[in-house]
Amino acid sequence: MVEDMPLDELKQVTIDYYVNLQRIKKADTGNNPELEYQLKVYKNKLASLGISSEEYEM
């Protein structure tokens, strides 16, 4: 399904997911290794799409 998605839509979905992870991180008061791993994965996905994740960090 992702292969059929236009690039602009793929970028927006990836940004939205990364922002949601950032919101979870901000609300999470404990240590969450899985959350940190997912943030790294999506940060790399954004970079591969040519998008800087820094402007979406809280």
PDB file of N, CA and C in Angstrom:
ATOM      1  N   MET A   1       0.807  -1.202   0.000  1.00  0.00           N
ATOM      2  CA  MET A   1       0.000   0.000   0.000  1.00  0.00           C
ATOM      3  C   MET A   1       0.848   1.264   0.000  1.00  0.00           C
ATOM      4  N   VAL A   2       1.926   1.245   0.777  1.00  0.00           N
ATOM      5  CA  VAL A   2       2.788   2.422   0.869  1.00  0.00           C
ATOM      6  C   VAL A   2       3.392   2.742  -0.497  1.00  0.00           C
ATOM      7  N   GLU A   3       3.644   1.702  -1.308  1.00  0.00           N
ATOM      8  CA  GLU A   3       4.237   1.939  -2.618  1.00  0.00           C
ATOM      9  C   GLU A   3       3.325   2.754  -3.526  1.00  0.00           C
ATOM     10  N   ASP A   4       2.007   2.661  -3.307  1.00  0.00           N
ATOM     11  CA  ASP A   4       1.045   3.392  -4.120  1.00  0.00           C
ATOM     12  C   ASP A   4       0.787   4.810  -3.602  1.00  0.00           C
ATOM     13  N   MET A   5       1.343   5.144  -2.459  1.00  0.00           N
ATOM     14  CA  MET A   5       1.100   6.434  -1.834  1.00  0.00           C
ATOM     15  C   MET A   5       1.962   7.504  -2.503  1.00  0.00           C
ATOM     16  N   PRO A   6       1.348   8.631  -2.876  1.00  0.00           N
ATOM     17  CA  PRO A   6       2.148   9.732  -3.434  1.00  0.00           C
ATOM     18  C   PRO A   6       3.192  10.211  -2.418  1.00  0.00           C
ATOM     19  N   LEU A   7       4.299  10.710  -2.917  1.00  0.00           N
ATOM     20  CA  LEU A   7       5.405  11.126  -2.049  1.00  0.00           C
ATOM     21  C   LEU A   7       4.976  12.173  -1.028  1.00  0.00           C
ATOM     22  N   ASP A   8       4.184  13.150  -1.447  1.00  0.00           N
ATOM     23  CA  ASP A   8       3.741  14.186  -0.506  1.00  0.00           C
ATOM     24  C   ASP A   8       2.913  13.591   0.634  1.00  0.00           C
ATOM     25  N   GLU A   9       2.074  12.624   0.311  1.00  0.00           N
ATOM     26  CA  GLU A   9       1.261  11.975   1.332  1.00  0.00           C
ATOM     27  C   GLU A   9       2.133  11.136   2.265  1.00  0.00           C
ATOM     28  N   LEU A  10       3.110  10.437   1.721  1.00  0.00           N
ATOM     29  CA  LEU A  10       4.035   9.653   2.528  1.00  0.00           C
ATOM     30  C   LEU A  10       4.795  10.557   3.497  1.00  0.00           C
ATOM     31  N   LYS A  11       5.242  11.693   3.006  1.00  0.00           N
ATOM     32  CA  LYS A  11       5.954  12.648   3.863  1.00  0.00           C
ATOM     33  C   LYS A  11       5.054  13.123   4.998  1.00  0.00           C
ATOM     34  N   GLN A  12       3.802  13.460   4.685  1.00  0.00           N
ATOM     35  CA  GLN A  12       2.888  13.975   5.711  1.00  0.00           C
ATOM     36  C   GLN A  12       2.570  12.910   6.754  1.00  0.00           C
ATOM     37  N   VAL A  13       2.348  11.683   6.329  1.00  0.00           N
ATOM     38  CA  VAL A  13       2.069  10.591   7.270  1.00  0.00           C
ATOM     39  C   VAL A  13       3.274  10.363   8.183  1.00  0.00           C
ATOM     40  N   THR A  14       4.468  10.414   7.628  1.00  0.00           N
ATOM     41  CA  THR A  14       5.683  10.212   8.422  1.00  0.00           C
ATOM     42  C   THR A  14       5.878  11.345   9.417  1.00  0.00           C
ATOM     43  N   ILE A  15       5.649  12.571   8.995  1.00  0.00           N
ATOM     44  CA  ILE A  15       5.738  13.725   9.898  1.00  0.00           C
ATOM     45  C   ILE A  15       4.718  13.589  11.020  1.00  0.00           C
ATOM     46  N   ASP A  16       3.481  13.254  10.678  1.00  0.00           N
ATOM     47  CA  ASP A  16       2.431  13.117  11.689  1.00  0.00           C
ATOM     48  C   ASP A  16       2.789  12.057  12.728  1.00  0.00           C
ATOM     49  N   TYR A  17       3.319  10.935  12.266  1.00  0.00           N
ATOM     50  CA  TYR A  17       3.687   9.866  13.192  1.00  0.00           C
ATOM     51  C   TYR A  17       4.816  10.317  14.113  1.00  0.00           C
ATOM     52  N   TYR A  18       5.805  10.999  13.552  1.00  0.00           N
ATOM     53  CA  TYR A  18       6.931  11.486  14.357  1.00  0.00           C
ATOM     54  C   TYR A  18       6.451  12.498  15.403  1.00  0.00           C
ATOM     55  N   VAL A  19       5.560  13.382  15.004  1.00  0.00           N
ATOM     56  CA  VAL A  19       5.031  14.377  15.940  1.00  0.00           C
ATOM     57  C   VAL A  19       4.252  13.679  17.058  1.00  0.00           C
ATOM     58  N   ASN A  20       3.487  12.657  16.714  1.00  0.00           N
ATOM     59  CA  ASN A  20       2.758  11.909  17.748  1.00  0.00           C
ATOM     60  C   ASN A  20       3.722  11.255  18.732  1.00  0.00           C
ATOM     61  N   LEU A  21       4.808  10.689  18.230  1.00  0.00           N
ATOM     62  CA  LEU A  21       5.815  10.111  19.118  1.00  0.00           C
ATOM     63  C   LEU A  21       6.417  11.177  20.029  1.00  0.00           C
ATOM     64  N   GLN A  22       6.650  12.370  19.488  1.00  0.00           N
ATOM     65  CA  GLN A  22       7.187  13.474  20.287  1.00  0.00           C
ATOM     66  C   GLN A  22       6.214  13.844  21.408  1.00  0.00           C
ATOM     67  N   ARG A  23       4.920  13.862  21.104  1.00  0.00           N
ATOM     68  CA  ARG A  23       3.911  14.187  22.119  1.00  0.00           C
ATOM     69  C   ARG A  23       3.887  13.132  23.221  1.00  0.00           C
ATOM     70  N   ILE A  24       4.010  11.854  22.843  1.00  0.00           N
ATOM     71  CA  ILE A  24       4.058  10.779  23.830  1.00  0.00           C
ATOM     72  C   ILE A  24       5.293  10.938  24.710  1.00  0.00           C
ATOM     73  N   LYS A  25       6.427  11.256  24.090  1.00  0.00           N
ATOM     74  CA  LYS A  25       7.669  11.434  24.852  1.00  0.00           C
ATOM     75  C   LYS A  25       7.527  12.574  25.857  1.00  0.00           C
ATOM     76  N   LYS A  26       6.891  13.657  25.444  1.00  0.00           N
ATOM     77  CA  LYS A  26       6.730  14.800  26.339  1.00  0.00           C
ATOM     78  C   LYS A  26       5.846  14.437  27.537  1.00  0.00           C
ATOM     79  N   ALA A  27       4.832  13.613  27.313  1.00  0.00           N
ATOM     80  CA  ALA A  27       3.918  13.229  28.385  1.00  0.00           C
ATOM     81  C   ALA A  27       4.475  12.096  29.249  1.00  0.00           C
ATOM     82  N   ASP A  28       5.413  11.331  28.726  1.00  0.00           N
ATOM     83  CA  ASP A  28       5.966  10.180  29.434  1.00  0.00           C
ATOM     84  C   ASP A  28       6.992  10.653  30.449  1.00  0.00           C
ATOM     85  N   THR A  29       6.803  10.261  31.693  1.00  0.00           N
ATOM     86  CA  THR A  29       7.722  10.719  32.743  1.00  0.00           C
ATOM     87  C   THR A  29       8.812   9.693  33.058  1.00  0.00           C
ATOM     88  N   GLY A  30       8.685   8.480  32.526  1.00  0.00           N
ATOM     89  CA  GLY A  30       9.664   7.438  32.825  1.00  0.00           C
ATOM     90  C   GLY A  30      10.603   7.189  31.658  1.00  0.00           C
ATOM     91  N   ASN A  31      11.448   6.199  31.827  1.00  0.00           N
ATOM     92  CA  ASN A  31      12.382   5.786  30.792  1.00  0.00           C
ATOM     93  C   ASN A  31      11.674   4.778  29.891  1.00  0.00           C
ATOM     94  N   ASN A  32      11.620   5.042  28.605  1.00  0.00           N
ATOM     95  CA  ASN A  32      10.913   4.167  27.675  1.00  0.00           C
ATOM     96  C   ASN A  32      11.822   3.871  26.485  1.00  0.00           C
ATOM     97  N   PRO A  33      12.585   2.784  26.556  1.00  0.00           N
ATOM     98  CA  PRO A  33      13.538   2.468  25.479  1.00  0.00           C
ATOM     99  C   PRO A  33      12.861   2.247  24.121  1.00  0.00           C
ATOM    100  N   GLU A  34      11.674   1.654  24.107  1.00  0.00           N
ATOM    101  CA  GLU A  34      10.976   1.418  22.840  1.00  0.00           C
ATOM    102  C   GLU A  34      10.577   2.740  22.184  1.00  0.00           C
ATOM    103  N   LEU A  35      10.118   3.687  22.979  1.00  0.00           N
ATOM    104  CA  LEU A  35       9.769   5.005  22.455  1.00  0.00           C
ATOM    105  C   LEU A  35      11.002   5.683  21.869  1.00  0.00           C
ATOM    106  N   GLU A  36      12.114   5.614  22.570  1.00  0.00           N
ATOM    107  CA  GLU A  36      13.353   6.213  22.070  1.00  0.00           C
ATOM    108  C   GLU A  36      13.789   5.559  20.758  1.00  0.00           C
ATOM    109  N   TYR A  37      13.633   4.241  20.663  1.00  0.00           N
ATOM    110  CA  TYR A  37      13.984   3.531  19.431  1.00  0.00           C
ATOM    111  C   TYR A  37      13.078   3.974  18.283  1.00  0.00           C
ATOM    112  N   GLN A  38      11.773   4.058  18.527  1.00  0.00           N
ATOM    113  CA  GLN A  38      10.831   4.484  17.488  1.00  0.00           C
ATOM    114  C   GLN A  38      11.132   5.913  17.026  1.00  0.00           C
ATOM    115  N   LEU A  39      11.503   6.772  17.956  1.00  0.00           N
ATOM    116  CA  LEU A  39      11.874   8.146  17.581  1.00  0.00           C
ATOM    117  C   LEU A  39      13.090   8.145  16.660  1.00  0.00           C
ATOM    118  N   LYS A  40      14.074   7.314  16.959  1.00  0.00           N
ATOM    119  CA  LYS A  40      15.264   7.224  16.106  1.00  0.00           C
ATOM    120  C   LYS A  40      14.901   6.711  14.718  1.00  0.00           C
ATOM    121  N   VAL A  41      14.059   5.687  14.660  1.00  0.00           N
ATOM    122  CA  VAL A  41      13.641   5.114  13.382  1.00  0.00           C
ATOM    123  C   VAL A  41      12.937   6.166  12.528  1.00  0.00           C
ATOM    124  N   TYR A  42      11.996   6.866  13.128  1.00  0.00           N
ATOM    125  CA  TYR A  42      11.249   7.854  12.353  1.00  0.00           C
ATOM    126  C   TYR A  42      12.079   9.088  12.031  1.00  0.00           C
ATOM    127  N   LYS A  43      13.029   9.416  12.872  1.00  0.00           N
ATOM    128  CA  LYS A  43      13.943  10.516  12.557  1.00  0.00           C
ATOM    129  C   LYS A  43      14.748  10.165  11.311  1.00  0.00           C
ATOM    130  N   ASN A  44      15.190   8.911  11.211  1.00  0.00           N
ATOM    131  CA  ASN A  44      15.915   8.458  10.023  1.00  0.00           C
ATOM    132  C   ASN A  44      15.015   8.405   8.803  1.00  0.00           C
ATOM    133  N   LYS A  45      13.763   8.003   8.976  1.00  0.00           N
ATOM    134  CA  LYS A  45      12.816   7.987   7.855  1.00  0.00           C
ATOM    135  C   LYS A  45      12.602   9.398   7.323  1.00  0.00           C
ATOM    136  N   LEU A  46      12.447  10.349   8.234  1.00  0.00           N
ATOM    137  CA  LEU A  46      12.287  11.746   7.800  1.00  0.00           C
ATOM    138  C   LEU A  46      13.522  12.203   7.028  1.00  0.00           C
ATOM    139  N   ALA A  47      14.688  11.874   7.544  1.00  0.00           N
ATOM    140  CA  ALA A  47      15.930  12.272   6.878  1.00  0.00           C
ATOM    141  C   ALA A  47      16.016  11.661   5.486  1.00  0.00           C
ATOM    142  N   SER A  48      15.581  10.403   5.349  1.00  0.00           N
ATOM    143  CA  SER A  48      15.630   9.757   4.033  1.00  0.00           C
ATOM    144  C   SER A  48      14.656  10.398   3.048  1.00  0.00           C
ATOM    145  N   LEU A  49      13.636  11.076   3.578  1.00  0.00           N
ATOM    146  CA  LEU A  49      12.684  11.801   2.729  1.00  0.00           C
ATOM    147  C   LEU A  49      13.108  13.256   2.516  1.00  0.00           C
ATOM    148  N   GLY A  50      14.257  13.628   3.079  1.00  0.00           N
ATOM    149  CA  GLY A  50      14.768  14.990   2.916  1.00  0.00           C
ATOM    150  C   GLY A  50      14.125  15.998   3.843  1.00  0.00           C
ATOM    151  N   ILE A  51      13.609  15.531   4.990  1.00  0.00           N
ATOM    152  CA  ILE A  51      12.914  16.399   5.947  1.00  0.00           C
ATOM    153  C   ILE A  51      13.723  16.456   7.234  1.00  0.00           C
ATOM    154  N   SER A  52      13.995  17.648   7.714  1.00  0.00           N
ATOM    155  CA  SER A  52      14.709  17.821   8.981  1.00  0.00           C
ATOM    156  C   SER A  52      13.738  17.604  10.127  1.00  0.00           C
ATOM    157  N   SER A  53      14.075  16.698  11.028  1.00  0.00           N
ATOM    158  CA  SER A  53      13.190  16.402  12.165  1.00  0.00           C
ATOM    159  C   SER A  53      13.265  17.481  13.241  1.00  0.00           C
ATOM    160  N   GLU A  54      14.303  18.292  13.210  1.00  0.00           N
ATOM    161  CA  GLU A  54      14.509  19.295  14.255  1.00  0.00           C
ATOM    162  C   GLU A  54      13.363  20.297  14.338  1.00  0.00           C
ATOM    163  N   GLU A  55      12.749  20.625  13.221  1.00  0.00           N
ATOM    164  CA  GLU A  55      11.665  21.590  13.270  1.00  0.00           C
ATOM    165  C   GLU A  55      10.378  21.011  13.853  1.00  0.00           C
ATOM    166  N   TYR A  56      10.330  19.687  14.053  1.00  0.00           N
ATOM    167  CA  TYR A  56       9.152  19.030  14.602  1.00  0.00           C
ATOM    168  C   TYR A  56       9.358  18.549  16.032  1.00  0.00           C
ATOM    169  N   GLU A  57      10.522  18.814  16.601  1.00  0.00           N
ATOM    170  CA  GLU A  57      10.797  18.380  17.968  1.00  0.00           C
ATOM    171  C   GLU A  57      10.224  19.359  18.961  1.00  0.00           C
ATOM    172  N   MET A  58       9.744  18.813  20.066  1.00  0.00           N
ATOM    173  CA  MET A  58       9.136  19.650  21.113  1.00  0.00           C
ATOM    174  C   MET A  58      10.169  20.035  22.135  1.00  0.00           C
TER     175      MET A  58
END
